[in-house]
Amino acid sequence: MSSPASPPSPAALRQIPIVCPGHSRPLAELQYSASNLLISACHDKLPMLRHGASGDWIGTFEGHKGAVWSAKLDPEAEFAATGSADFSVKIWDALTGDVVTTLEHKHVVKSVAFSRDGARLLTAGHEKLLRVFDVLGVKEQLQTYKAEGRTGIVVLPPPPLAEMHTAQQIRKVVVLSDRLAATGEVDGTVTVWDLDAYAQTRQFKVDADVMDMEASRDGKVLTVAAGKQVRCCGVVFFFSFCSSVWWRLMCCCYQVYFYDVEKDFALLHAFPMPISFAEEGGASLHPTEPKFVAGGSDTWVRVFDFETGELLETHKGHHGPVRCLRYSPSGDSFATGSEDGTIRIWQNDSKSAAATSVAETAANSS
């Protein structure tokens, strides 16, 4: 029997997170601003803005008529952009919650991203197109209206600066630097784009469908989570009573990849995952420490060592699959969004007083 003073096993930690209710459908995407505001996209059509540390609700962006797949704040957190199944992208005044303009598309928009200077907006989805819009003029026009005391004014949408075609539908678009962006497609293709020339500069593939992508805060590392929802690596089986066999089968399908952006996207690490990435499940790299968090089709949230892939922590709290997750700018905490309609904010320090073992929790509740 272990000593009462012994800490719980890293793989058995259970932390009591901050629970953020408000959404009524599965979460689709989370993003922290540099100022630690947290924006969420959800299938309930209502993106929300919160304080990143406390989870306190700030406001709801009302106007979409379909599920919202993507929500991002610009670098100054003054504007927000959302992409929806209603075939539109909306730009919002993040301070008032008002719609500034609507960019109409011809199919579902799965991902949006502001450029590093906030002057351009990238949109992508089922059209197999990466579009780039100049939104600086939209912002300036709104500021002029505000200075004149005019409110409730909708700015005319700008035409796209560029439209770049892809072979498959795009799941994610991320901005890596002032010049580079990357898209992840449903067949595992990752394409790197030059935002000055509006041209493809590089392309490579991961072993399965791209489910999530993230650029590190400094733009030096590209994280890609990939997996298949239906097949199991071409292996057909009927029964398996050995968990190790099941683990090996799953490992072939679900992986997290890390690429060095400054070294022509050289592969840093590729780790098999004990979870499946369904819909928007994925991974997030800690901004300063060598570890990453991942979540997927089960209800658990797992933290792994960045260098070895070793499992460091396992947390439970959601009542449905984990659909999205991101570390805060400081790395002190990370947020997870689930199919259960809640956002949970977890502390990075697994040794906090709030962390207890799953065994203890089960024993106390019995």
Protein backbone atom coordinates (compact mmCIF):
# COMPACT_ATOMS: atom_id res chain seq x y z
CA MET A 1 0.00 0.00 0.00
CA SER A 2 1.37 3.41 -0.90
CA SER A 3 2.08 6.02 1.72
CA PRO A 4 -0.70 8.59 2.30
CA ALA A 5 1.82 11.27 1.39
CA SER A 6 2.59 9.69 -1.97
CA PRO A 7 1.31 11.70 -4.95
CA PRO A 8 -1.13 10.02 -7.32
CA SER A 9 0.21 8.48 -10.49
CA PRO A 10 0.58 11.07 -13.29
CA ALA A 11 -1.64 8.92 -15.49
CA ALA A 12 -4.38 8.83 -12.84
CA LEU A 13 -4.72 12.48 -11.87
CA ARG A 14 -8.13 14.00 -11.68
CA GLN A 15 -8.30 17.76 -11.43
CA ILE A 16 -11.36 19.81 -10.59
CA PRO A 17 -11.57 22.30 -13.48
CA ILE A 18 -13.52 25.52 -13.86
CA VAL A 19 -16.73 24.60 -15.66
CA CYS A 20 -18.08 27.17 -18.12
CA PRO A 21 -21.71 26.49 -19.07
CA GLY A 22 -23.67 28.46 -21.64
CA HIS A 23 -23.46 26.50 -24.86
CA SER A 24 -26.17 23.98 -25.72
CA ARG A 25 -24.48 21.96 -28.48
CA PRO A 26 -21.02 20.48 -29.13
CA LEU A 27 -18.07 22.89 -29.11
CA ALA A 28 -16.07 23.21 -32.33
CA GLU A 29 -13.12 25.53 -31.66
CA LEU A 30 -11.41 27.54 -28.93
CA GLN A 31 -8.90 30.37 -29.19
CA TYR A 32 -7.09 32.52 -26.64
CA SER A 33 -6.06 36.07 -27.43
CA ALA A 34 -2.71 37.43 -26.26
CA SER A 35 -4.65 39.33 -23.58
CA ASN A 36 -6.13 36.04 -22.31
CA LEU A 37 -9.64 36.39 -23.69
CA LEU A 38 -11.21 33.10 -24.75
CA ILE A 39 -13.53 32.82 -27.74
CA SER A 40 -15.51 29.68 -28.54
CA ALA A 41 -17.24 28.35 -31.65
CA CYS A 42 -20.18 26.02 -31.18
CA HIS A 43 -22.83 24.15 -33.13
CA ASP A 44 -25.52 26.12 -31.27
CA LYS A 45 -24.85 29.05 -33.68
CA LEU A 46 -23.75 31.31 -30.79
CA PRO A 47 -20.02 32.07 -30.44
CA MET A 48 -19.12 33.34 -26.98
CA LEU A 49 -16.41 35.48 -25.41
CA ARG A 50 -15.05 34.83 -21.91
CA HIS A 51 -12.29 35.83 -19.55
CA GLY A 52 -9.64 33.22 -20.13
CA ALA A 53 -8.49 32.89 -16.52
CA SER A 54 -11.83 32.71 -14.74
CA GLY A 55 -14.09 31.54 -17.55
CA ASP A 56 -16.53 34.35 -16.75
CA TRP A 57 -18.91 35.09 -19.62
CA ILE A 58 -18.44 38.44 -21.38
CA GLY A 59 -20.82 38.24 -24.31
CA THR A 60 -22.48 36.24 -27.07
CA PHE A 61 -22.27 36.98 -30.80
CA GLU A 62 -25.78 36.56 -32.22
CA GLY A 63 -26.49 36.41 -35.95
CA HIS A 64 -25.45 33.11 -37.54
CA LYS A 65 -28.15 30.77 -38.85
CA GLY A 66 -26.06 27.61 -38.81
CA ALA A 67 -23.48 25.82 -36.70
CA VAL A 68 -20.36 27.89 -36.09
CA TRP A 69 -17.21 25.90 -36.82
CA SER A 70 -14.53 28.51 -36.21
CA ALA A 71 -14.08 31.64 -34.10
CA LYS A 72 -10.98 33.83 -33.82
CA LEU A 73 -10.01 37.16 -32.26
CA ASP A 74 -7.67 39.56 -34.03
CA PRO A 75 -4.29 40.31 -32.38
CA GLU A 76 -5.68 43.29 -30.43
CA ALA A 77 -8.88 41.41 -29.46
CA GLU A 78 -10.92 44.30 -30.83
CA PHE A 79 -12.54 42.28 -33.62
CA ALA A 80 -13.70 38.70 -33.96
CA ALA A 81 -14.34 36.54 -37.01
CA THR A 82 -16.54 33.45 -37.21
CA GLY A 83 -17.07 30.83 -39.92
CA SER A 84 -20.34 28.95 -40.15
CA ALA A 85 -22.37 26.22 -41.81
CA ASP A 86 -24.68 29.00 -43.03
CA PHE A 87 -22.12 29.66 -45.80
CA SER A 88 -20.87 32.91 -44.27
CA VAL A 89 -18.08 34.53 -42.32
CA LYS A 90 -19.03 37.34 -39.96
CA ILE A 91 -16.70 40.00 -38.61
CA TRP A 92 -17.74 41.36 -35.23
CA ASP A 93 -16.92 44.28 -32.99
CA ALA A 94 -15.55 42.32 -30.03
CA LEU A 95 -16.25 45.22 -27.66
CA THR A 96 -19.97 45.55 -28.44
CA GLY A 97 -20.87 42.21 -30.03
CA ASP A 98 -22.27 43.96 -33.12
CA VAL A 99 -21.86 42.51 -36.61
CA VAL A 100 -19.49 44.69 -38.63
CA THR A 101 -19.83 42.92 -41.98
CA THR A 102 -20.71 39.54 -43.49
CA LEU A 103 -18.58 37.75 -46.09
CA GLU A 104 -20.79 35.42 -48.11
CA HIS A 105 -19.39 32.06 -49.24
CA LYS A 106 -20.78 29.25 -51.40
CA HIS A 107 -20.39 26.39 -48.93
CA VAL A 108 -19.66 25.59 -45.28
CA VAL A 109 -16.82 27.61 -43.76
CA LYS A 110 -14.75 25.40 -41.43
CA SER A 111 -11.89 27.69 -40.44
CA VAL A 112 -10.94 31.37 -40.18
CA ALA A 113 -7.71 33.08 -39.11
CA PHE A 114 -6.44 36.65 -38.84
CA SER A 115 -2.99 37.55 -40.12
CA ARG A 116 -0.38 38.42 -37.49
CA ASP A 117 -0.93 42.15 -38.02
CA GLY A 118 -4.71 41.77 -38.11
CA ALA A 119 -4.98 43.41 -41.52
CA ARG A 120 -6.08 40.30 -43.42
CA LEU A 121 -8.54 37.50 -42.77
CA LEU A 122 -8.15 33.97 -44.14
CA THR A 123 -11.20 31.74 -44.66
CA ALA A 124 -11.47 28.11 -45.77
CA GLY A 125 -13.83 25.15 -45.85
CA HIS A 126 -15.84 22.90 -48.11
CA GLU A 127 -15.36 25.04 -51.22
CA LYS A 128 -11.74 23.82 -51.52
CA LEU A 129 -10.65 27.45 -51.54
CA LEU A 130 -8.41 29.50 -49.29
CA ARG A 131 -9.63 33.08 -49.46
CA VAL A 132 -7.79 36.15 -48.20
CA PHE A 133 -9.67 39.36 -47.39
CA ASP A 134 -8.33 42.82 -46.61
CA VAL A 135 -10.16 43.73 -43.40
CA LEU A 136 -8.08 46.77 -42.48
CA GLY A 137 -10.45 49.00 -44.43
CA VAL A 138 -13.43 47.45 -42.66
CA LYS A 139 -11.90 48.20 -39.28
CA GLU A 140 -10.99 51.77 -40.23
CA GLN A 141 -14.48 52.44 -41.56
CA LEU A 142 -16.05 51.19 -38.35
CA GLN A 143 -13.75 53.39 -36.27
CA THR A 144 -14.83 56.39 -38.37
CA TYR A 145 -18.49 55.59 -37.73
CA LYS A 146 -17.83 55.32 -34.01
CA ALA A 147 -15.99 58.64 -33.95
CA GLU A 148 -19.01 60.24 -35.59
CA GLY A 149 -21.28 58.75 -32.95
CA ARG A 150 -22.99 56.40 -35.38
CA THR A 151 -23.90 52.93 -34.13
CA GLY A 152 -25.42 49.83 -35.66
CA ILE A 153 -23.80 50.50 -39.04
CA VAL A 154 -22.90 47.45 -41.14
CA VAL A 155 -19.84 47.98 -43.34
CA LEU A 156 -19.91 46.80 -46.96
CA PRO A 157 -17.99 43.51 -47.30
CA PRO A 158 -14.67 43.72 -49.16
CA PRO A 159 -13.96 41.46 -52.15
CA PRO A 160 -11.30 38.78 -51.61
CA LEU A 161 -7.72 39.74 -52.34
CA ALA A 162 -6.99 36.20 -53.47
CA GLU A 163 -8.57 32.77 -53.90
CA MET A 164 -6.25 29.76 -53.80
CA HIS A 165 -7.53 26.33 -54.78
CA THR A 166 -6.91 23.05 -52.99
CA ALA A 167 -7.64 19.50 -54.13
CA GLN A 168 -9.73 18.62 -51.08
CA GLN A 169 -11.94 20.31 -48.52
CA ILE A 170 -10.04 22.32 -45.94
CA ARG A 171 -10.51 21.62 -42.24
CA LYS A 172 -8.10 24.12 -40.72
CA VAL A 173 -6.14 27.21 -41.67
CA VAL A 174 -3.42 28.65 -39.41
CA VAL A 175 -1.17 31.68 -39.77
CA LEU A 176 2.50 30.93 -39.09
CA SER A 177 4.11 34.33 -39.69
CA ASP A 178 3.61 37.64 -41.48
CA ARG A 179 4.29 35.77 -44.72
CA LEU A 180 3.25 32.15 -44.24
CA ALA A 181 0.01 30.28 -43.60
CA ALA A 182 -0.89 26.59 -43.72
CA THR A 183 -4.04 24.65 -44.53
CA GLY A 184 -4.94 21.11 -43.51
CA GLU A 185 -7.17 19.08 -45.81
CA VAL A 186 -9.44 16.10 -45.20
CA ASP A 187 -7.11 13.68 -47.02
CA GLY A 188 -4.08 14.50 -44.84
CA THR A 189 -2.53 17.10 -47.14
CA VAL A 190 -0.87 20.09 -45.47
CA THR A 191 -0.20 23.03 -47.80
CA VAL A 192 1.99 26.00 -46.96
CA TRP A 193 1.08 29.32 -48.59
CA ASP A 194 3.00 32.53 -49.26
CA LEU A 195 0.70 35.38 -48.21
CA ASP A 196 2.69 37.94 -50.20
CA ALA A 197 2.68 36.07 -53.51
CA TYR A 198 -0.60 34.22 -52.78
CA ALA A 199 0.99 31.01 -53.97
CA GLN A 200 1.73 27.54 -52.66
CA THR A 201 5.29 27.14 -51.40
CA ARG A 202 5.31 23.63 -49.96
CA GLN A 203 3.09 20.60 -49.55
CA PHE A 204 3.36 17.40 -47.53
CA LYS A 205 1.05 14.71 -46.18
CA VAL A 206 0.36 13.10 -42.84
CA ASP A 207 -0.85 9.52 -42.56
CA ALA A 208 -4.54 10.28 -42.04
CA ASP A 209 -7.16 13.03 -42.27
CA VAL A 210 -6.16 16.35 -40.71
CA MET A 211 -8.42 16.96 -37.71
CA ASP A 212 -6.66 19.89 -36.04
CA MET A 213 -3.75 22.25 -36.62
CA GLU A 214 -2.11 24.83 -34.39
CA ALA A 215 0.75 27.29 -34.85
CA SER A 216 2.84 27.89 -31.75
CA ARG A 217 2.76 31.41 -30.31
CA ASP A 218 6.16 32.20 -31.83
CA GLY A 219 5.24 30.56 -35.14
CA LYS A 220 8.17 28.15 -34.97
CA VAL A 221 6.24 24.89 -34.55
CA LEU A 222 3.26 23.59 -36.50
CA THR A 223 1.18 20.98 -34.66
CA VAL A 224 -1.02 18.62 -36.68
CA ALA A 225 -3.45 16.08 -35.22
CA ALA A 226 -4.59 13.48 -37.71
CA GLY A 227 -6.82 10.45 -37.61
CA LYS A 228 -9.53 8.37 -39.19
CA GLN A 229 -13.00 7.98 -37.77
CA VAL A 230 -14.14 4.79 -39.48
CA ARG A 231 -11.30 2.51 -40.48
CA CYS A 232 -8.60 0.93 -38.34
CA CYS A 233 -5.53 1.03 -40.60
CA GLY A 234 -6.85 -1.61 -42.95
CA VAL A 235 -6.84 -4.24 -40.19
CA VAL A 236 -10.08 -6.17 -39.89
CA PHE A 237 -10.83 -7.90 -36.60
CA PHE A 238 -13.86 -9.21 -34.76
CA PHE A 239 -12.82 -9.63 -31.15
CA SER A 240 -9.82 -8.60 -29.12
CA PHE A 241 -9.43 -9.27 -25.44
CA CYS A 242 -5.94 -7.81 -25.24
CA SER A 243 -5.70 -4.07 -24.57
CA SER A 244 -2.15 -3.98 -25.94
CA VAL A 245 -3.40 -5.26 -29.29
CA TRP A 246 -6.09 -2.59 -29.35
CA TRP A 247 -3.47 0.05 -28.51
CA ARG A 248 -1.25 -1.01 -31.41
CA LEU A 249 -4.18 -0.96 -33.81
CA MET A 250 -5.21 2.53 -32.72
CA CYS A 251 -1.68 3.87 -32.85
CA CYS A 252 -1.58 3.38 -36.60
CA CYS A 253 -4.54 5.70 -37.12
CA TYR A 254 -4.27 8.57 -34.67
CA GLN A 255 -1.13 10.66 -34.40
CA VAL A 256 0.13 14.09 -33.44
CA TYR A 257 2.88 15.58 -35.63
CA PHE A 258 5.19 18.51 -34.86
CA TYR A 259 7.02 20.37 -37.65
CA ASP A 260 9.88 22.88 -37.47
CA VAL A 261 8.68 25.86 -39.50
CA GLU A 262 12.11 27.51 -39.62
CA LYS A 263 13.77 24.36 -41.00
CA ASP A 264 11.52 23.91 -44.02
CA PHE A 265 8.93 22.01 -41.99
CA ALA A 266 11.27 19.24 -40.92
CA LEU A 267 9.44 16.69 -38.80
CA LEU A 268 10.37 17.12 -35.14
CA HIS A 269 8.21 14.39 -33.63
CA ALA A 270 5.32 12.10 -34.53
CA PHE A 271 3.56 10.37 -31.66
CA PRO A 272 0.82 7.71 -31.81
CA MET A 273 -2.12 8.56 -29.57
CA PRO A 274 -4.23 6.31 -27.31
CA ILE A 275 -7.28 8.29 -28.44
CA SER A 276 -9.14 8.79 -31.68
CA PHE A 277 -9.62 12.24 -33.20
CA ALA A 278 -13.28 12.51 -34.17
CA GLU A 279 -14.50 15.75 -35.75
CA GLU A 280 -12.54 18.56 -34.06
CA GLY A 281 -10.55 16.71 -31.41
CA GLY A 282 -6.87 17.62 -31.47
CA ALA A 283 -3.76 18.80 -29.69
CA SER A 284 -2.15 21.96 -28.32
CA LEU A 285 1.52 22.61 -27.56
CA HIS A 286 2.47 24.33 -24.31
CA PRO A 287 3.92 27.81 -25.06
CA THR A 288 7.05 27.41 -22.91
CA GLU A 289 7.26 23.89 -21.48
CA PRO A 290 8.09 20.68 -23.41
CA LYS A 291 4.63 19.10 -23.30
CA PHE A 292 1.34 19.06 -25.14
CA VAL A 293 -2.29 18.31 -24.36
CA ALA A 294 -4.56 16.14 -26.50
CA GLY A 295 -8.20 15.15 -26.49
CA GLY A 296 -10.50 13.17 -28.72
CA SER A 297 -13.37 10.74 -28.90
CA ASP A 298 -13.25 9.66 -25.26
CA THR A 299 -13.95 11.99 -22.34
CA TRP A 300 -10.37 12.14 -21.06
CA VAL A 301 -7.84 14.94 -21.47
CA ARG A 302 -4.23 13.79 -21.62
CA VAL A 303 -0.92 15.64 -21.26
CA PHE A 304 2.17 14.20 -22.97
CA ASP A 305 5.91 14.87 -22.95
CA PHE A 306 6.91 16.74 -26.12
CA GLU A 307 10.28 15.00 -26.44
CA THR A 308 9.30 11.40 -25.72
CA GLY A 309 5.53 11.20 -26.13
CA GLU A 310 5.27 9.78 -22.60
CA LEU A 311 1.90 10.20 -20.90
CA LEU A 312 2.29 12.68 -18.03
CA GLU A 313 -1.24 13.40 -16.84
CA THR A 314 -4.77 12.21 -17.46
CA HIS A 315 -7.78 14.32 -16.47
CA LYS A 316 -11.47 13.54 -16.48
CA GLY A 317 -14.43 15.85 -16.18
CA HIS A 318 -16.26 16.06 -19.48
CA HIS A 319 -19.31 13.91 -20.14
CA GLY A 320 -18.74 13.67 -23.87
CA PRO A 321 -15.91 13.55 -26.42
CA VAL A 322 -13.38 16.39 -26.31
CA ARG A 323 -13.83 18.39 -29.50
CA CYS A 324 -11.24 21.19 -29.10
CA LEU A 325 -8.57 22.40 -26.69
CA ARG A 326 -5.94 25.13 -26.37
CA TYR A 327 -3.31 26.32 -23.90
CA SER A 328 -3.61 29.86 -22.54
CA PRO A 329 -0.92 32.38 -23.64
CA SER A 330 1.00 32.00 -20.37
CA GLY A 331 0.57 28.24 -20.25
CA ASP A 332 -0.79 28.45 -16.70
CA SER A 333 -3.97 26.72 -17.84
CA PHE A 334 -5.65 25.15 -20.84
CA ALA A 335 -9.26 25.09 -22.01
CA THR A 336 -11.18 22.15 -23.44
CA GLY A 337 -14.49 22.13 -25.26
CA SER A 338 -16.68 19.06 -25.45
CA GLU A 339 -19.62 17.47 -27.12
CA ASP A 340 -21.35 17.90 -23.74
CA GLY A 341 -21.66 21.64 -24.46
CA THR A 342 -19.29 22.81 -21.73
CA ILE A 343 -15.90 24.48 -21.68
CA ARG A 344 -13.57 23.45 -18.88
CA ILE A 345 -10.46 25.35 -17.80
CA TRP A 346 -7.72 23.23 -16.24
CA GLN A 347 -4.69 24.41 -14.28
CA ASN A 348 -1.33 23.48 -15.75
CA ASP A 349 0.10 22.59 -12.31
CA SER A 350 -0.95 18.97 -11.80
CA LYS A 351 0.31 19.08 -8.21
CA SER A 352 -2.26 21.66 -7.15
CA ALA A 353 -4.51 20.92 -4.20
CA ALA A 354 -7.40 20.41 -6.59
CA ALA A 355 -5.76 17.35 -8.15
CA THR A 356 -6.85 14.02 -6.75
CA SER A 357 -6.52 10.49 -8.00
CA VAL A 358 -9.34 8.89 -9.91
CA ALA A 359 -9.24 6.03 -7.45
CA GLU A 360 -9.74 8.42 -4.52
CA THR A 361 -12.60 10.16 -6.27
CA ALA A 362 -14.32 6.87 -7.05
CA ALA A 363 -13.83 5.68 -3.47
CA ASN A 364 -15.25 8.88 -2.02
CA SER A 365 -18.31 8.78 -4.24
CA SER A 366 -19.11 5.14 -3.51
